[in-house]
Amino acid sequence: MALNPLDALTFNPVGAHTANSSLATDVTLTVPDGATKIIVQALAQDIRYTLGGTTPTTTLGFQLKADDQPIMIPLGGDTVLKFIEETATATLQYQFGN
């Protein structure tokens, strides 16, 4: 099956839009069946995340800057999404899609 380059430009939601404010310890998101990407955004405080199962810390992991525009992350079969807040009161907004 050939890949359609327009797939990168489309987003069909899988499941519900979620807001998680319980990020004092690392949180692993379960990728729902059929999801091939996720849109994420940090609100109020910065958030760190990892993709390969490594536990993020307040200084380790990719950084989502609070109130920046949402980003889209493609998901592979071995992607393990883990998030943690850098400072209390962070909220992670996310939506899985395909």
N, C-alpha and C. Protein backbone atom coordinates (compact mmCIF):
# COMPACT_ATOMS: atom_id res chain seq x y z
N MET A 1 0.83 -1.18 0.00
CA MET A 1 0.00 0.00 0.00
C MET A 1 0.88 1.24 0.00
N ALA A 2 0.65 2.14 -0.95
CA ALA A 2 1.44 3.36 -1.05
C ALA A 2 1.01 4.36 0.01
N LEU A 3 1.99 5.10 0.53
CA LEU A 3 1.68 6.15 1.50
C LEU A 3 1.17 7.39 0.78
N ASN A 4 0.15 7.99 1.32
CA ASN A 4 -0.40 9.21 0.77
C ASN A 4 0.25 10.39 1.50
N PRO A 5 0.98 11.27 0.78
CA PRO A 5 1.63 12.39 1.45
C PRO A 5 0.65 13.33 2.15
N LEU A 6 -0.60 13.33 1.73
CA LEU A 6 -1.59 14.18 2.38
C LEU A 6 -1.98 13.67 3.77
N ASP A 7 -1.65 12.41 4.09
CA ASP A 7 -1.96 11.87 5.42
C ASP A 7 -1.31 12.69 6.52
N ALA A 8 -0.15 13.28 6.23
CA ALA A 8 0.54 14.10 7.23
C ALA A 8 -0.24 15.39 7.51
N LEU A 9 -1.12 15.78 6.59
CA LEU A 9 -1.86 17.02 6.74
C LEU A 9 -3.26 16.82 7.31
N THR A 10 -3.67 15.58 7.45
CA THR A 10 -5.01 15.31 7.96
C THR A 10 -4.94 14.82 9.40
N PHE A 11 -6.02 15.03 10.11
CA PHE A 11 -6.10 14.55 11.49
C PHE A 11 -7.52 14.16 11.78
N ASN A 12 -7.73 12.88 12.01
CA ASN A 12 -9.03 12.36 12.38
C ASN A 12 -8.95 11.92 13.83
N PRO A 13 -9.71 12.56 14.73
CA PRO A 13 -9.62 12.23 16.15
C PRO A 13 -9.94 10.76 16.43
N VAL A 14 -9.18 10.19 17.36
CA VAL A 14 -9.42 8.84 17.88
C VAL A 14 -9.61 9.01 19.38
N GLY A 15 -10.80 8.73 19.87
CA GLY A 15 -11.09 8.92 21.29
C GLY A 15 -11.38 10.37 21.59
N ALA A 16 -11.40 10.69 22.88
CA ALA A 16 -11.78 12.02 23.34
C ALA A 16 -10.58 12.92 23.57
N HIS A 17 -10.80 14.22 23.42
CA HIS A 17 -9.81 15.23 23.81
C HIS A 17 -9.67 15.14 25.33
N THR A 18 -8.44 15.18 25.82
CA THR A 18 -8.21 14.98 27.26
C THR A 18 -7.32 16.09 27.82
N ALA A 19 -7.60 16.47 29.06
CA ALA A 19 -6.75 17.38 29.82
C ALA A 19 -6.31 16.65 31.08
N ASN A 20 -4.99 16.60 31.33
CA ASN A 20 -4.46 15.91 32.50
C ASN A 20 -3.66 16.90 33.33
N SER A 21 -4.11 17.12 34.56
CA SER A 21 -3.41 18.02 35.48
C SER A 21 -2.71 17.26 36.60
N SER A 22 -2.67 15.94 36.51
CA SER A 22 -2.02 15.10 37.52
C SER A 22 -0.68 14.62 37.00
N LEU A 23 0.29 15.53 36.95
CA LEU A 23 1.57 15.23 36.34
C LEU A 23 2.74 15.37 37.31
N ALA A 24 2.48 15.32 38.61
CA ALA A 24 3.55 15.45 39.60
C ALA A 24 4.54 14.28 39.49
N THR A 25 4.04 13.10 39.12
CA THR A 25 4.89 11.96 38.81
C THR A 25 4.66 11.61 37.35
N ASP A 26 5.57 10.83 36.77
CA ASP A 26 5.44 10.56 35.34
C ASP A 26 4.14 9.80 35.03
N VAL A 27 3.56 10.16 33.91
CA VAL A 27 2.31 9.57 33.44
C VAL A 27 2.56 8.95 32.08
N THR A 28 2.17 7.69 31.93
CA THR A 28 2.27 7.00 30.64
C THR A 28 0.90 7.02 29.98
N LEU A 29 0.86 7.51 28.73
CA LEU A 29 -0.39 7.51 27.98
C LEU A 29 -0.51 6.22 27.19
N THR A 30 -1.67 5.62 27.22
CA THR A 30 -1.95 4.42 26.44
C THR A 30 -2.45 4.83 25.07
N VAL A 31 -1.75 4.42 24.03
CA VAL A 31 -2.14 4.76 22.67
C VAL A 31 -3.33 3.88 22.28
N PRO A 32 -4.46 4.49 21.92
CA PRO A 32 -5.62 3.69 21.55
C PRO A 32 -5.44 3.01 20.19
N ASP A 33 -6.14 1.91 19.98
CA ASP A 33 -6.11 1.22 18.70
C ASP A 33 -6.47 2.20 17.59
N GLY A 34 -5.72 2.15 16.51
CA GLY A 34 -6.00 2.98 15.35
C GLY A 34 -5.32 4.34 15.36
N ALA A 35 -4.73 4.74 16.48
CA ALA A 35 -4.06 6.05 16.54
C ALA A 35 -2.67 5.96 15.93
N THR A 36 -2.34 6.94 15.10
CA THR A 36 -1.03 6.99 14.45
C THR A 36 -0.30 8.30 14.76
N LYS A 37 -0.96 9.18 15.51
CA LYS A 37 -0.35 10.46 15.89
C LYS A 37 -1.07 11.02 17.10
N ILE A 38 -0.45 12.01 17.73
CA ILE A 38 -1.04 12.68 18.88
C ILE A 38 -0.71 14.16 18.77
N ILE A 39 -1.68 14.99 19.15
CA ILE A 39 -1.44 16.42 19.29
C ILE A 39 -1.35 16.71 20.78
N VAL A 40 -0.29 17.44 21.20
CA VAL A 40 -0.09 17.75 22.62
C VAL A 40 0.18 19.24 22.80
N GLN A 41 -0.21 19.74 23.97
CA GLN A 41 0.06 21.13 24.33
C GLN A 41 0.18 21.22 25.85
N ALA A 42 1.15 22.02 26.31
CA ALA A 42 1.33 22.28 27.74
C ALA A 42 0.67 23.62 28.08
N LEU A 43 -0.07 23.63 29.19
CA LEU A 43 -0.69 24.86 29.67
C LEU A 43 -0.21 25.16 31.09
N ALA A 44 -0.02 26.42 31.39
CA ALA A 44 0.34 26.95 32.71
C ALA A 44 1.83 26.76 33.06
N GLN A 45 2.37 25.55 32.90
CA GLN A 45 3.78 25.28 33.22
C GLN A 45 4.37 24.36 32.14
N ASP A 46 5.71 24.35 32.02
CA ASP A 46 6.38 23.49 31.05
C ASP A 46 6.24 22.02 31.45
N ILE A 47 6.26 21.15 30.44
CA ILE A 47 6.13 19.71 30.62
C ILE A 47 7.27 19.02 29.87
N ARG A 48 7.81 17.95 30.41
CA ARG A 48 8.82 17.12 29.74
C ARG A 48 8.17 15.82 29.30
N TYR A 49 8.66 15.26 28.17
CA TYR A 49 8.13 13.98 27.69
C TYR A 49 9.21 13.16 27.00
N THR A 50 9.01 11.86 27.04
CA THR A 50 9.88 10.92 26.32
C THR A 50 9.01 10.02 25.46
N LEU A 51 9.63 9.39 24.48
CA LEU A 51 8.90 8.58 23.50
C LEU A 51 9.26 7.11 23.52
N GLY A 52 10.36 6.75 24.18
CA GLY A 52 10.85 5.38 24.10
C GLY A 52 10.78 4.59 25.38
N GLY A 53 10.02 5.07 26.36
CA GLY A 53 9.89 4.33 27.62
C GLY A 53 10.76 4.86 28.74
N THR A 54 11.72 5.74 28.42
CA THR A 54 12.54 6.36 29.47
C THR A 54 11.65 7.22 30.35
N THR A 55 11.89 7.20 31.63
CA THR A 55 11.11 8.02 32.55
C THR A 55 11.58 9.46 32.46
N PRO A 56 10.70 10.40 32.11
CA PRO A 56 11.10 11.80 32.08
C PRO A 56 11.25 12.35 33.49
N THR A 57 12.04 13.39 33.63
CA THR A 57 12.18 14.10 34.90
C THR A 57 11.98 15.59 34.61
N THR A 58 12.14 16.41 35.61
CA THR A 58 11.99 17.85 35.41
C THR A 58 13.10 18.44 34.54
N THR A 59 14.15 17.65 34.28
CA THR A 59 15.25 18.12 33.43
C THR A 59 15.57 17.17 32.28
N LEU A 60 14.93 16.01 32.21
CA LEU A 60 15.20 15.02 31.16
C LEU A 60 13.96 14.81 30.31
N GLY A 61 14.15 14.87 29.02
CA GLY A 61 13.05 14.66 28.08
C GLY A 61 12.88 15.88 27.19
N PHE A 62 12.11 15.71 26.13
CA PHE A 62 11.79 16.85 25.28
C PHE A 62 10.90 17.80 26.08
N GLN A 63 11.02 19.09 25.80
CA GLN A 63 10.28 20.07 26.57
C GLN A 63 9.12 20.65 25.76
N LEU A 64 7.93 20.60 26.36
CA LEU A 64 6.77 21.33 25.84
C LEU A 64 6.70 22.63 26.63
N LYS A 65 6.85 23.75 25.95
CA LYS A 65 6.79 25.05 26.62
C LYS A 65 5.34 25.44 26.86
N ALA A 66 5.07 25.90 28.06
CA ALA A 66 3.72 26.29 28.43
C ALA A 66 3.16 27.32 27.46
N ASP A 67 1.95 27.06 27.02
CA ASP A 67 1.18 27.98 26.18
C ASP A 67 1.72 28.15 24.76
N ASP A 68 2.73 27.35 24.35
CA ASP A 68 3.13 27.32 22.94
C ASP A 68 2.01 26.65 22.14
N GLN A 69 2.07 26.79 20.84
CA GLN A 69 1.11 26.13 19.97
C GLN A 69 1.21 24.61 20.13
N PRO A 70 0.12 23.88 19.92
CA PRO A 70 0.18 22.42 19.99
C PRO A 70 1.14 21.86 18.94
N ILE A 71 1.72 20.71 19.25
CA ILE A 71 2.57 20.01 18.27
C ILE A 71 1.96 18.64 18.00
N MET A 72 2.26 18.10 16.81
CA MET A 72 1.81 16.77 16.45
C MET A 72 3.01 15.83 16.48
N ILE A 73 2.83 14.66 17.11
CA ILE A 73 3.89 13.66 17.20
C ILE A 73 3.40 12.40 16.48
N PRO A 74 4.13 11.94 15.44
CA PRO A 74 3.77 10.67 14.81
C PRO A 74 4.07 9.52 15.76
N LEU A 75 3.25 8.49 15.74
CA LEU A 75 3.42 7.34 16.64
C LEU A 75 3.76 6.09 15.85
N GLY A 76 4.82 5.41 16.26
CA GLY A 76 5.16 4.12 15.70
C GLY A 76 4.69 3.02 16.63
N GLY A 77 4.85 1.80 16.22
CA GLY A 77 4.38 0.67 17.02
C GLY A 77 5.05 0.53 18.37
N ASP A 78 6.27 1.07 18.52
CA ASP A 78 7.00 0.94 19.78
C ASP A 78 7.03 2.23 20.60
N THR A 79 6.25 3.23 20.21
CA THR A 79 6.25 4.50 20.93
C THR A 79 5.61 4.33 22.30
N VAL A 80 6.32 4.80 23.33
CA VAL A 80 5.80 4.81 24.70
C VAL A 80 5.85 6.27 25.16
N LEU A 81 4.69 6.89 25.30
CA LEU A 81 4.59 8.31 25.67
C LEU A 81 4.54 8.49 27.17
N LYS A 82 5.53 9.21 27.72
CA LYS A 82 5.56 9.50 29.16
C LYS A 82 5.74 11.00 29.34
N PHE A 83 4.99 11.57 30.31
CA PHE A 83 4.99 13.00 30.56
C PHE A 83 5.14 13.29 32.05
N ILE A 84 5.76 14.44 32.36
CA ILE A 84 5.86 14.92 33.74
C ILE A 84 5.94 16.45 33.71
N GLU A 85 5.36 17.09 34.70
CA GLU A 85 5.44 18.55 34.78
C GLU A 85 6.80 18.96 35.32
N GLU A 86 7.29 20.11 34.84
CA GLU A 86 8.52 20.67 35.40
C GLU A 86 8.23 21.39 36.72
N THR A 87 7.06 22.00 36.80
CA THR A 87 6.62 22.76 37.97
C THR A 87 5.15 22.46 38.20
N ALA A 88 4.74 22.49 39.44
CA ALA A 88 3.33 22.19 39.78
C ALA A 88 2.37 23.09 39.02
N THR A 89 1.20 22.58 38.78
CA THR A 89 0.04 23.21 38.12
C THR A 89 0.06 23.12 36.60
N ALA A 90 0.95 22.32 36.02
CA ALA A 90 0.93 22.13 34.57
C ALA A 90 -0.29 21.30 34.17
N THR A 91 -0.78 21.56 32.97
CA THR A 91 -1.85 20.75 32.38
C THR A 91 -1.42 20.31 31.00
N LEU A 92 -1.58 19.03 30.72
CA LEU A 92 -1.30 18.47 29.40
C LEU A 92 -2.63 18.29 28.68
N GLN A 93 -2.78 18.97 27.56
CA GLN A 93 -3.93 18.78 26.67
C GLN A 93 -3.48 17.84 25.56
N TYR A 94 -4.30 16.83 25.24
CA TYR A 94 -3.90 15.94 24.15
C TYR A 94 -5.09 15.30 23.46
N GLN A 95 -4.86 14.94 22.20
CA GLN A 95 -5.85 14.27 21.37
C GLN A 95 -5.11 13.30 20.45
N PHE A 96 -5.47 12.02 20.53
CA PHE A 96 -4.94 11.03 19.60
C PHE A 96 -5.68 11.14 18.29
N GLY A 97 -5.04 10.71 17.21
CA GLY A 97 -5.68 10.74 15.90
C GLY A 97 -5.02 9.80 14.92
N ASN A 98 -5.55 9.78 13.71
CA ASN A 98 -4.94 9.01 12.61
C ASN A 98 -5.06 9.80 11.34
